[in-house]
Amino acid sequence: MRINEHPILGKQDKDAVTITYNGLNYEAYEGESIAAALLAHNIRILRYSEKCHEPRGIYCGIGHCYECRVMVDGERSVRACITNVKDGMHIRYQTGEFL
């Protein structure tokens, strides 16, 4: 589900990195957001709502709505849509309170 070649941006030659999401390893590319990397692997659920524990994922994609909050290396409420991946990053879906 990645765009590897774009008519305007050209070929997307970026170095691959490994991220872990909920204990499983996935390939990602330098410079892409956590949300984009997970979406490329068909992962759409990034957290569960506080009250009803309903699944949530990418909504606005620009950091305004906070629907894509995940835990990154133990830090809660990291917005997946505006945070770039790093090699060895450990990501988990988030449940519970906002912050």
N, C-alpha and C. Protein backbone atom coordinates (compact mmCIF):
# COMPACT_ATOMS: atom_id res chain seq x y z
N MET A 1 0.81 -1.20 0.00
CA MET A 1 0.00 0.00 0.00
C MET A 1 0.85 1.27 0.00
N ARG A 2 2.11 1.17 -0.35
CA ARG A 2 2.97 2.36 -0.41
C ARG A 2 3.06 2.86 -1.84
N ILE A 3 3.24 4.16 -1.96
CA ILE A 3 3.52 4.75 -3.27
C ILE A 3 5.03 4.75 -3.41
N ASN A 4 5.55 3.89 -4.28
CA ASN A 4 7.00 3.78 -4.46
C ASN A 4 7.51 4.68 -5.56
N GLU A 5 6.62 5.06 -6.46
CA GLU A 5 7.00 5.99 -7.51
C GLU A 5 5.83 6.93 -7.76
N HIS A 6 6.12 8.22 -7.74
CA HIS A 6 5.10 9.24 -7.84
C HIS A 6 5.38 10.08 -9.09
N PRO A 7 4.36 10.47 -9.84
CA PRO A 7 4.59 11.23 -11.08
C PRO A 7 5.26 12.58 -10.86
N ILE A 8 5.09 13.18 -9.71
CA ILE A 8 5.70 14.48 -9.44
C ILE A 8 6.93 14.33 -8.53
N LEU A 9 6.80 13.54 -7.47
CA LEU A 9 7.89 13.38 -6.50
C LEU A 9 8.96 12.41 -6.95
N GLY A 10 8.67 11.62 -7.97
CA GLY A 10 9.64 10.67 -8.50
C GLY A 10 9.71 9.38 -7.68
N LYS A 11 10.80 8.66 -7.89
CA LYS A 11 10.99 7.39 -7.21
C LYS A 11 11.32 7.65 -5.74
N GLN A 12 10.70 6.88 -4.89
CA GLN A 12 10.88 7.03 -3.44
C GLN A 12 11.92 6.05 -2.94
N ASP A 13 13.19 6.42 -3.03
CA ASP A 13 14.30 5.57 -2.57
C ASP A 13 14.72 6.02 -1.18
N LYS A 14 14.20 5.36 -0.18
CA LYS A 14 14.55 5.70 1.20
C LYS A 14 15.03 4.44 1.90
N ASP A 15 15.85 4.61 2.91
CA ASP A 15 16.38 3.48 3.65
C ASP A 15 15.30 2.85 4.51
N ALA A 16 15.30 1.53 4.54
CA ALA A 16 14.34 0.78 5.36
C ALA A 16 14.82 0.73 6.80
N VAL A 17 13.87 0.80 7.71
CA VAL A 17 14.13 0.65 9.15
C VAL A 17 13.12 -0.38 9.67
N THR A 18 13.37 -0.87 10.87
CA THR A 18 12.46 -1.83 11.49
C THR A 18 11.80 -1.18 12.69
N ILE A 19 10.48 -1.26 12.74
CA ILE A 19 9.73 -0.79 13.90
C ILE A 19 8.96 -1.98 14.47
N THR A 20 8.59 -1.88 15.72
CA THR A 20 7.80 -2.92 16.36
C THR A 20 6.46 -2.34 16.75
N TYR A 21 5.38 -2.99 16.35
CA TYR A 21 4.04 -2.57 16.73
C TYR A 21 3.36 -3.74 17.43
N ASN A 22 3.00 -3.53 18.68
CA ASN A 22 2.36 -4.56 19.49
C ASN A 22 3.12 -5.89 19.46
N GLY A 23 4.44 -5.78 19.51
CA GLY A 23 5.29 -6.96 19.60
C GLY A 23 5.70 -7.60 18.29
N LEU A 24 5.19 -7.09 17.16
CA LEU A 24 5.55 -7.64 15.85
C LEU A 24 6.40 -6.63 15.09
N ASN A 25 7.39 -7.14 14.36
CA ASN A 25 8.28 -6.27 13.59
C ASN A 25 7.69 -5.97 12.22
N TYR A 26 7.87 -4.72 11.80
CA TYR A 26 7.42 -4.26 10.49
C TYR A 26 8.49 -3.41 9.85
N GLU A 27 8.53 -3.44 8.52
CA GLU A 27 9.45 -2.59 7.78
C GLU A 27 8.79 -1.23 7.57
N ALA A 28 9.58 -0.19 7.76
CA ALA A 28 9.14 1.19 7.51
C ALA A 28 10.28 1.88 6.77
N TYR A 29 10.03 3.10 6.34
CA TYR A 29 11.05 3.84 5.61
C TYR A 29 11.32 5.17 6.28
N GLU A 30 12.60 5.53 6.30
CA GLU A 30 13.00 6.80 6.90
C GLU A 30 12.17 7.93 6.32
N GLY A 31 11.74 8.83 7.20
CA GLY A 31 10.99 10.00 6.77
C GLY A 31 9.49 9.82 6.72
N GLU A 32 8.99 8.58 6.87
CA GLU A 32 7.54 8.41 6.86
C GLU A 32 7.02 8.42 8.28
N SER A 33 5.77 8.80 8.42
CA SER A 33 5.16 8.87 9.75
C SER A 33 4.83 7.47 10.25
N ILE A 34 4.65 7.37 11.55
CA ILE A 34 4.23 6.10 12.14
C ILE A 34 2.92 5.66 11.50
N ALA A 35 1.98 6.58 11.35
CA ALA A 35 0.68 6.25 10.77
C ALA A 35 0.83 5.72 9.35
N ALA A 36 1.66 6.34 8.54
CA ALA A 36 1.85 5.89 7.16
C ALA A 36 2.49 4.51 7.12
N ALA A 37 3.46 4.28 7.99
CA ALA A 37 4.13 2.98 8.04
C ALA A 37 3.15 1.87 8.43
N LEU A 38 2.32 2.12 9.44
CA LEU A 38 1.37 1.12 9.87
C LEU A 38 0.27 0.91 8.83
N LEU A 39 -0.18 1.99 8.23
CA LEU A 39 -1.21 1.89 7.19
C LEU A 39 -0.70 1.07 6.00
N ALA A 40 0.58 1.20 5.68
CA ALA A 40 1.18 0.43 4.58
C ALA A 40 1.11 -1.07 4.86
N HIS A 41 1.01 -1.44 6.12
CA HIS A 41 0.88 -2.85 6.51
C HIS A 41 -0.56 -3.20 6.87
N ASN A 42 -1.48 -2.37 6.44
CA ASN A 42 -2.92 -2.58 6.64
C ASN A 42 -3.34 -2.55 8.11
N ILE A 43 -2.59 -1.84 8.93
CA ILE A 43 -2.93 -1.66 10.34
C ILE A 43 -3.69 -0.36 10.45
N ARG A 44 -4.94 -0.44 10.87
CA ARG A 44 -5.80 0.73 10.92
C ARG A 44 -6.20 1.12 12.34
N ILE A 45 -6.13 0.22 13.28
CA ILE A 45 -6.50 0.53 14.66
C ILE A 45 -5.24 0.94 15.42
N LEU A 46 -5.24 2.18 15.93
CA LEU A 46 -4.08 2.71 16.64
C LEU A 46 -4.33 2.88 18.13
N ARG A 47 -5.59 2.94 18.51
CA ARG A 47 -5.92 3.06 19.93
C ARG A 47 -7.39 2.69 20.12
N TYR A 48 -7.81 2.66 21.39
CA TYR A 48 -9.21 2.42 21.73
C TYR A 48 -9.70 3.58 22.57
N SER A 49 -10.92 4.02 22.31
CA SER A 49 -11.46 5.20 23.00
C SER A 49 -11.55 4.96 24.50
N GLU A 50 -11.51 6.07 25.23
CA GLU A 50 -11.48 6.03 26.69
C GLU A 50 -12.77 5.49 27.29
N LYS A 51 -13.91 5.98 26.84
CA LYS A 51 -15.18 5.62 27.46
C LYS A 51 -15.70 4.26 26.98
N CYS A 52 -15.84 4.09 25.71
CA CYS A 52 -16.51 2.89 25.17
C CYS A 52 -15.54 1.85 24.61
N HIS A 53 -14.25 2.14 24.65
CA HIS A 53 -13.22 1.22 24.14
C HIS A 53 -13.46 0.84 22.68
N GLU A 54 -13.86 1.85 21.89
CA GLU A 54 -14.07 1.65 20.46
C GLU A 54 -12.76 1.89 19.71
N PRO A 55 -12.52 1.17 18.61
CA PRO A 55 -11.28 1.35 17.86
C PRO A 55 -11.20 2.73 17.21
N ARG A 56 -10.00 3.28 17.20
CA ARG A 56 -9.73 4.57 16.57
C ARG A 56 -8.48 4.44 15.70
N GLY A 57 -8.41 5.27 14.67
CA GLY A 57 -7.27 5.24 13.77
C GLY A 57 -6.98 6.63 13.26
N ILE A 58 -6.46 6.70 12.05
CA ILE A 58 -6.13 7.99 11.45
C ILE A 58 -7.44 8.68 11.07
N TYR A 59 -7.55 9.94 11.44
CA TYR A 59 -8.76 10.71 11.09
C TYR A 59 -8.36 11.93 10.27
N CYS A 60 -7.71 12.90 10.90
CA CYS A 60 -7.38 14.13 10.16
C CYS A 60 -6.04 14.00 9.41
N GLY A 61 -5.11 13.26 9.98
CA GLY A 61 -3.81 13.06 9.34
C GLY A 61 -2.86 14.24 9.45
N ILE A 62 -3.23 15.29 10.19
CA ILE A 62 -2.35 16.46 10.31
C ILE A 62 -2.12 16.89 11.75
N GLY A 63 -2.46 16.05 12.70
CA GLY A 63 -2.14 16.32 14.10
C GLY A 63 -3.13 17.13 14.90
N HIS A 64 -4.30 17.43 14.34
CA HIS A 64 -5.27 18.25 15.06
C HIS A 64 -6.24 17.45 15.93
N CYS A 65 -6.60 16.27 15.51
CA CYS A 65 -7.71 15.57 16.17
C CYS A 65 -7.28 14.64 17.31
N TYR A 66 -6.07 14.22 17.36
CA TYR A 66 -5.54 13.33 18.41
C TYR A 66 -6.15 11.93 18.37
N GLU A 67 -6.79 11.52 17.31
CA GLU A 67 -7.36 10.18 17.22
C GLU A 67 -6.29 9.11 17.03
N CYS A 68 -5.13 9.47 16.54
CA CYS A 68 -4.09 8.48 16.21
C CYS A 68 -3.04 8.32 17.30
N ARG A 69 -3.40 8.64 18.53
CA ARG A 69 -2.43 8.54 19.63
C ARG A 69 -1.99 7.10 19.86
N VAL A 70 -0.68 6.92 20.01
CA VAL A 70 -0.10 5.62 20.30
C VAL A 70 0.94 5.79 21.41
N MET A 71 1.40 4.67 21.95
CA MET A 71 2.52 4.69 22.88
C MET A 71 3.79 4.41 22.09
N VAL A 72 4.81 5.24 22.28
CA VAL A 72 6.09 5.07 21.59
C VAL A 72 7.20 5.00 22.64
N ASP A 73 7.88 3.87 22.68
CA ASP A 73 8.97 3.66 23.64
C ASP A 73 8.54 4.06 25.05
N GLY A 74 7.32 3.70 25.43
CA GLY A 74 6.80 3.96 26.77
C GLY A 74 6.15 5.31 26.97
N GLU A 75 6.23 6.20 25.99
CA GLU A 75 5.61 7.53 26.10
C GLU A 75 4.20 7.48 25.54
N ARG A 76 3.23 7.93 26.33
CA ARG A 76 1.82 7.91 25.92
C ARG A 76 1.46 9.11 25.05
N SER A 77 0.39 8.95 24.30
CA SER A 77 -0.24 10.02 23.52
C SER A 77 0.67 10.67 22.49
N VAL A 78 1.45 9.87 21.81
CA VAL A 78 2.25 10.35 20.69
C VAL A 78 1.37 10.29 19.44
N ARG A 79 1.28 11.40 18.73
CA ARG A 79 0.44 11.44 17.53
C ARG A 79 1.17 10.75 16.36
N ALA A 80 0.60 9.64 15.93
CA ALA A 80 1.22 8.81 14.90
C ALA A 80 1.29 9.51 13.54
N CYS A 81 0.37 10.42 13.27
CA CYS A 81 0.32 11.05 11.95
C CYS A 81 1.41 12.11 11.75
N ILE A 82 1.99 12.62 12.83
CA ILE A 82 3.01 13.67 12.69
C ILE A 82 4.35 13.27 13.30
N THR A 83 4.51 12.02 13.70
CA THR A 83 5.75 11.54 14.29
C THR A 83 6.41 10.57 13.32
N ASN A 84 7.65 10.87 12.94
CA ASN A 84 8.37 10.01 12.01
C ASN A 84 8.92 8.77 12.70
N VAL A 85 8.99 7.68 11.94
CA VAL A 85 9.55 6.45 12.47
C VAL A 85 11.05 6.58 12.68
N LYS A 86 11.55 5.78 13.59
CA LYS A 86 12.99 5.65 13.83
C LYS A 86 13.30 4.17 13.94
N ASP A 87 14.47 3.78 13.52
CA ASP A 87 14.85 2.38 13.58
C ASP A 87 14.81 1.89 15.03
N GLY A 88 14.17 0.75 15.23
CA GLY A 88 14.08 0.16 16.56
C GLY A 88 12.97 0.71 17.44
N MET A 89 12.14 1.59 16.91
CA MET A 89 11.05 2.20 17.67
C MET A 89 10.03 1.14 18.09
N HIS A 90 9.61 1.18 19.36
CA HIS A 90 8.60 0.26 19.88
C HIS A 90 7.29 1.02 20.05
N ILE A 91 6.28 0.59 19.33
CA ILE A 91 4.99 1.26 19.30
C ILE A 91 3.92 0.28 19.79
N ARG A 92 2.97 0.80 20.57
CA ARG A 92 1.85 -0.02 21.03
C ARG A 92 0.56 0.78 20.87
N TYR A 93 -0.54 0.07 20.64
CA TYR A 93 -1.82 0.78 20.63
C TYR A 93 -2.08 1.31 22.03
N GLN A 94 -2.89 2.32 22.13
CA GLN A 94 -3.12 2.99 23.41
C GLN A 94 -4.56 2.80 23.86
N THR A 95 -4.72 2.55 25.14
CA THR A 95 -6.04 2.50 25.74
C THR A 95 -6.04 3.39 26.97
N GLY A 96 -7.18 3.71 27.48
CA GLY A 96 -7.26 4.47 28.74
C GLY A 96 -7.27 5.95 28.56
N GLU A 97 -6.78 6.64 29.56
CA GLU A 97 -6.88 8.10 29.65
C GLU A 97 -6.13 8.81 28.54
N PHE A 98 -6.51 10.06 28.33
CA PHE A 98 -5.96 10.89 27.25
C PHE A 98 -4.47 11.12 27.41
N LEU A 99 -4.02 11.54 28.57
CA LEU A 99 -2.58 11.80 28.78
C LEU A 99 -2.04 11.01 29.93
